[in-house]
Amino acid sequence: MGYYRAGFTEIVGVDINPQPRYPFTFVQADALEFAREHGREFDAIHASPPCQAYVRSGMVAKDGRHPKLVEVTRQLLQELGVPFVIENVPGSPLRPSFVLCGSMFGLGVRRHRLFESPSLFALAPATCDHSRPITGVYGHPHGKGGAWRNGKRPMLPSDKATWSRELGIDWMEPRELAQAIPPAYTEYIGKQLLEAIRLAGDTLHE
């Protein structure tokens, strides 16, 4: 949604699992295989490899059940030669161009994410402001305090209505919201990416 708001007109999502509430064209397939076959047909690619293996949390299994796909994703995208963005969590082996936080956009979530892109060089839009109340959108626990309750800082409610409002997403169910990033992130990145694509096109025609 963020890329659409930034100005991209044709959005295609690919996931190995069905995503019935995805708001744009959706292809159920292995994302790496799809990119390998069709990647050069697109102006840009945004990749979000599974993050569970990299999460700094004792709540996530560390027994190898979660794949580590950042390196293989980067290698494929570099081979394709298409402008790309890779997104993942702190702790992942990304080479981040910048880190985004919900507080940079006035949202009541933190949801720090790393973004790697050889096409982007801009800084984050602002510094983090961790003084503001947030809601825990990670789905654990589903209580009044949410995932970040520490007994000291004020929290926003931990419920679907609050999660949807603070993430800026009104088309997902709670389990999907727990995995999502705010569209504000990709809108910010998408505007830069469109400019990079435009400049590259101008260079080719000079």
Protein backbone atom coordinates (compact mmCIF):
# COMPACT_ATOMS: atom_id res chain seq x y z
CA MET A 1 0.00 0.00 0.00
CA GLY A 2 2.85 2.38 0.75
CA TYR A 3 4.36 1.90 -2.69
CA TYR A 4 0.96 2.54 -4.27
CA ARG A 5 0.60 5.76 -2.30
CA ALA A 6 4.12 6.75 -3.35
CA GLY A 7 3.11 6.56 -7.02
CA PHE A 8 3.68 2.99 -8.22
CA THR A 9 0.58 2.06 -10.20
CA GLU A 10 0.95 -1.70 -10.66
CA ILE A 11 1.70 -3.68 -7.50
CA VAL A 12 2.15 -7.46 -7.51
CA GLY A 13 2.53 -9.38 -4.25
CA VAL A 14 4.04 -12.87 -4.07
CA ASP A 15 3.88 -15.25 -1.13
CA ILE A 16 4.05 -19.00 -0.74
CA ASN A 17 0.93 -18.86 1.45
CA PRO A 18 -2.49 -17.51 0.40
CA GLN A 19 -3.13 -13.86 1.32
CA PRO A 20 -6.86 -13.36 0.74
CA ARG A 21 -6.88 -9.78 2.05
CA TYR A 22 -3.94 -8.55 -0.01
CA PRO A 23 -5.30 -5.38 -1.68
CA PHE A 24 -3.45 -5.68 -5.02
CA THR A 25 -2.63 -8.38 -7.58
CA PHE A 26 -1.47 -11.49 -5.74
CA VAL A 27 0.47 -14.54 -6.94
CA GLN A 28 0.77 -17.56 -4.66
CA ALA A 29 4.25 -18.92 -5.36
CA ASP A 30 7.72 -19.28 -3.94
CA ALA A 31 8.89 -15.66 -4.00
CA LEU A 32 12.50 -16.46 -4.90
CA GLU A 33 11.48 -18.73 -7.76
CA PHE A 34 9.01 -16.13 -9.02
CA ALA A 35 11.63 -13.39 -8.86
CA ARG A 36 14.17 -15.58 -10.65
CA GLU A 37 11.71 -16.17 -13.50
CA HIS A 38 9.91 -12.81 -13.68
CA GLY A 39 12.03 -10.29 -11.75
CA ARG A 40 13.32 -8.45 -14.80
CA GLU A 41 9.73 -7.68 -15.84
CA PHE A 42 9.40 -5.21 -12.95
CA ASP A 43 10.73 -1.69 -12.38
CA ALA A 44 11.66 -2.50 -8.79
CA ILE A 45 11.44 -5.34 -6.27
CA HIS A 46 10.76 -5.15 -2.54
CA ALA A 47 11.73 -8.33 -0.68
CA SER A 48 10.84 -9.25 2.89
CA PRO A 49 12.52 -12.58 3.70
CA PRO A 50 11.17 -14.42 6.77
CA CYS A 51 12.39 -12.63 9.88
CA GLN A 52 11.77 -15.19 12.64
CA ALA A 53 15.28 -16.65 12.57
CA TYR A 54 16.78 -13.20 13.21
CA VAL A 55 14.41 -11.86 15.89
CA ARG A 56 16.13 -10.97 19.15
CA SER A 57 13.54 -12.60 21.36
CA GLY A 58 13.27 -15.65 23.56
CA MET A 59 9.71 -16.17 22.24
CA VAL A 60 10.95 -17.35 18.82
CA ALA A 61 12.17 -20.91 18.23
CA LYS A 62 15.92 -21.14 17.55
CA ASP A 63 15.94 -24.79 16.47
CA GLY A 64 16.39 -24.17 12.76
CA ARG A 65 12.74 -24.40 11.77
CA HIS A 66 12.80 -20.83 10.43
CA PRO A 67 14.78 -20.27 7.20
CA LYS A 68 17.55 -17.71 6.86
CA LEU A 69 17.07 -16.23 3.41
CA VAL A 70 18.54 -12.73 3.51
CA GLU A 71 21.82 -13.67 1.81
CA VAL A 72 20.26 -15.77 -0.95
CA THR A 73 17.66 -13.05 -1.56
CA ARG A 74 20.34 -10.37 -1.87
CA GLN A 75 22.41 -12.48 -4.25
CA LEU A 76 19.41 -13.13 -6.51
CA LEU A 77 18.36 -9.48 -6.62
CA GLN A 78 21.89 -8.37 -7.42
CA GLU A 79 22.00 -10.89 -10.29
CA LEU A 80 18.69 -9.60 -11.65
CA GLY A 81 20.02 -6.05 -11.83
CA VAL A 82 16.64 -4.52 -10.98
CA PRO A 83 16.42 -1.74 -8.34
CA PHE A 84 15.53 -3.44 -5.07
CA VAL A 85 14.78 -2.98 -1.40
CA ILE A 86 15.22 -5.71 1.22
CA GLU A 87 13.44 -5.31 4.57
CA ASN A 88 14.04 -7.20 7.79
CA VAL A 89 14.36 -6.91 11.55
CA PRO A 90 17.29 -5.68 13.66
CA GLY A 91 19.57 -8.66 14.13
CA SER A 92 19.31 -9.74 10.50
CA PRO A 93 22.42 -9.63 8.25
CA LEU A 94 21.18 -6.70 6.17
CA ARG A 95 23.49 -3.85 5.16
CA PRO A 96 20.93 -1.18 6.01
CA SER A 97 20.63 2.09 4.15
CA PHE A 98 18.54 3.21 7.13
CA VAL A 99 16.32 2.05 9.98
CA LEU A 100 12.70 3.14 10.25
CA CYS A 101 10.55 3.36 13.40
CA GLY A 102 6.85 4.10 13.71
CA SER A 103 7.58 7.09 15.93
CA MET A 104 9.35 8.78 13.00
CA PHE A 105 5.93 8.99 11.33
CA GLY A 106 3.90 9.91 14.42
CA LEU A 107 2.57 6.36 14.84
CA GLY A 108 1.90 4.64 18.16
CA VAL A 109 4.10 1.67 17.26
CA ARG A 110 7.85 1.22 17.13
CA ARG A 111 8.34 -1.73 14.81
CA HIS A 112 11.98 -1.01 13.95
CA ARG A 113 12.90 -2.32 10.50
CA LEU A 114 16.12 -2.30 8.51
CA PHE A 115 16.01 -1.44 4.81
CA GLU A 116 18.83 -2.28 2.41
CA SER A 117 18.89 -0.79 -1.06
CA PRO A 118 21.84 0.16 -3.28
CA SER A 119 19.50 2.67 -4.97
CA LEU A 120 18.71 4.68 -1.82
CA PHE A 121 21.01 6.94 0.12
CA ALA A 122 18.66 9.25 2.03
CA LEU A 123 18.58 9.35 5.80
CA ALA A 124 15.60 8.36 7.89
CA PRO A 125 12.92 11.09 8.00
CA ALA A 126 13.44 11.82 11.71
CA THR A 127 14.97 10.41 14.87
CA CYS A 128 13.10 7.90 17.01
CA ASP A 129 10.87 9.27 19.77
CA HIS A 130 10.46 6.46 22.28
CA SER A 131 8.82 8.70 24.85
CA ARG A 132 5.36 8.39 23.31
CA PRO A 133 2.88 5.64 24.28
CA ILE A 134 2.77 2.67 21.95
CA THR A 135 0.64 -0.41 21.41
CA GLY A 136 2.08 -3.92 21.30
CA VAL A 137 1.18 -5.29 17.88
CA TYR A 138 3.05 -8.56 18.10
CA GLY A 139 0.14 -10.65 19.26
CA HIS A 140 1.79 -11.75 22.53
CA PRO A 141 0.28 -11.37 24.97
CA HIS A 142 -3.25 -10.32 23.94
CA GLY A 143 -3.73 -8.33 27.11
CA LYS A 144 -4.29 -4.74 28.15
CA GLY A 145 -0.60 -3.93 28.02
CA GLY A 146 0.40 -5.72 24.86
CA ALA A 147 3.90 -6.91 24.13
CA TRP A 148 5.78 -3.92 25.59
CA ARG A 149 4.16 -3.61 29.02
CA ASN A 150 6.82 -2.97 31.67
CA GLY A 151 4.68 -1.47 34.42
CA LYS A 152 6.24 1.98 34.10
CA ARG A 153 5.46 3.58 30.76
CA PRO A 154 1.91 4.33 29.61
CA MET A 155 0.62 2.03 26.89
CA LEU A 156 -2.06 2.37 24.26
CA PRO A 157 -4.71 -0.38 24.26
CA SER A 158 -3.73 -3.70 22.73
CA ASP A 159 -6.67 -4.54 20.49
CA LYS A 160 -7.41 -4.81 16.79
CA ALA A 161 -8.88 -1.32 16.47
CA THR A 162 -5.80 0.29 18.03
CA TRP A 163 -3.38 -1.86 16.07
CA SER A 164 -5.12 -1.03 12.79
CA ARG A 165 -5.17 2.69 13.56
CA GLU A 166 -1.56 2.95 14.67
CA LEU A 167 -0.18 0.83 11.83
CA GLY A 168 -2.39 2.58 9.26
CA ILE A 169 -3.82 -0.74 8.06
CA ASP A 170 -7.56 -1.41 8.05
CA TRP A 171 -7.75 -4.51 5.80
CA MET A 172 -5.92 -7.12 7.91
CA GLU A 173 -6.81 -9.46 10.73
CA PRO A 174 -4.78 -9.44 14.00
CA ARG A 175 -2.48 -12.30 12.99
CA GLU A 176 -1.60 -10.43 9.79
CA LEU A 177 -1.15 -7.13 11.62
CA ALA A 178 1.39 -8.85 13.87
CA GLN A 179 3.58 -9.44 10.79
CA ALA A 180 3.01 -6.17 8.94
CA ILE A 181 4.97 -2.95 8.67
CA PRO A 182 3.24 0.44 8.43
CA PRO A 183 2.55 1.60 4.86
CA ALA A 184 4.15 4.89 5.91
CA TYR A 185 7.53 3.13 5.72
CA THR A 186 7.19 1.98 2.13
CA GLU A 187 5.54 5.22 1.04
CA TYR A 188 8.63 7.06 2.27
CA ILE A 189 10.94 4.57 0.55
CA GLY A 190 8.79 4.35 -2.57
CA LYS A 191 9.05 8.06 -3.31
CA GLN A 192 12.83 7.82 -3.21
CA LEU A 193 12.79 4.66 -5.29
CA LEU A 194 10.66 6.26 -7.99
CA GLU A 195 13.08 9.17 -8.16
CA ALA A 196 16.04 6.77 -8.44
CA ILE A 197 14.31 4.91 -11.28
CA ARG A 198 13.55 8.21 -13.04
CA LEU A 199 17.15 9.41 -12.72
CA ALA A 200 18.46 6.09 -14.00
CA GLY A 201 16.15 6.35 -17.00
CA ASP A 202 17.31 9.90 -17.71
CA THR A 203 20.95 8.74 -17.58
CA LEU A 204 20.30 5.93 -20.05
CA HIS A 205 18.76 8.40 -22.53
CA GLU A 206 21.53 10.99 -22.32
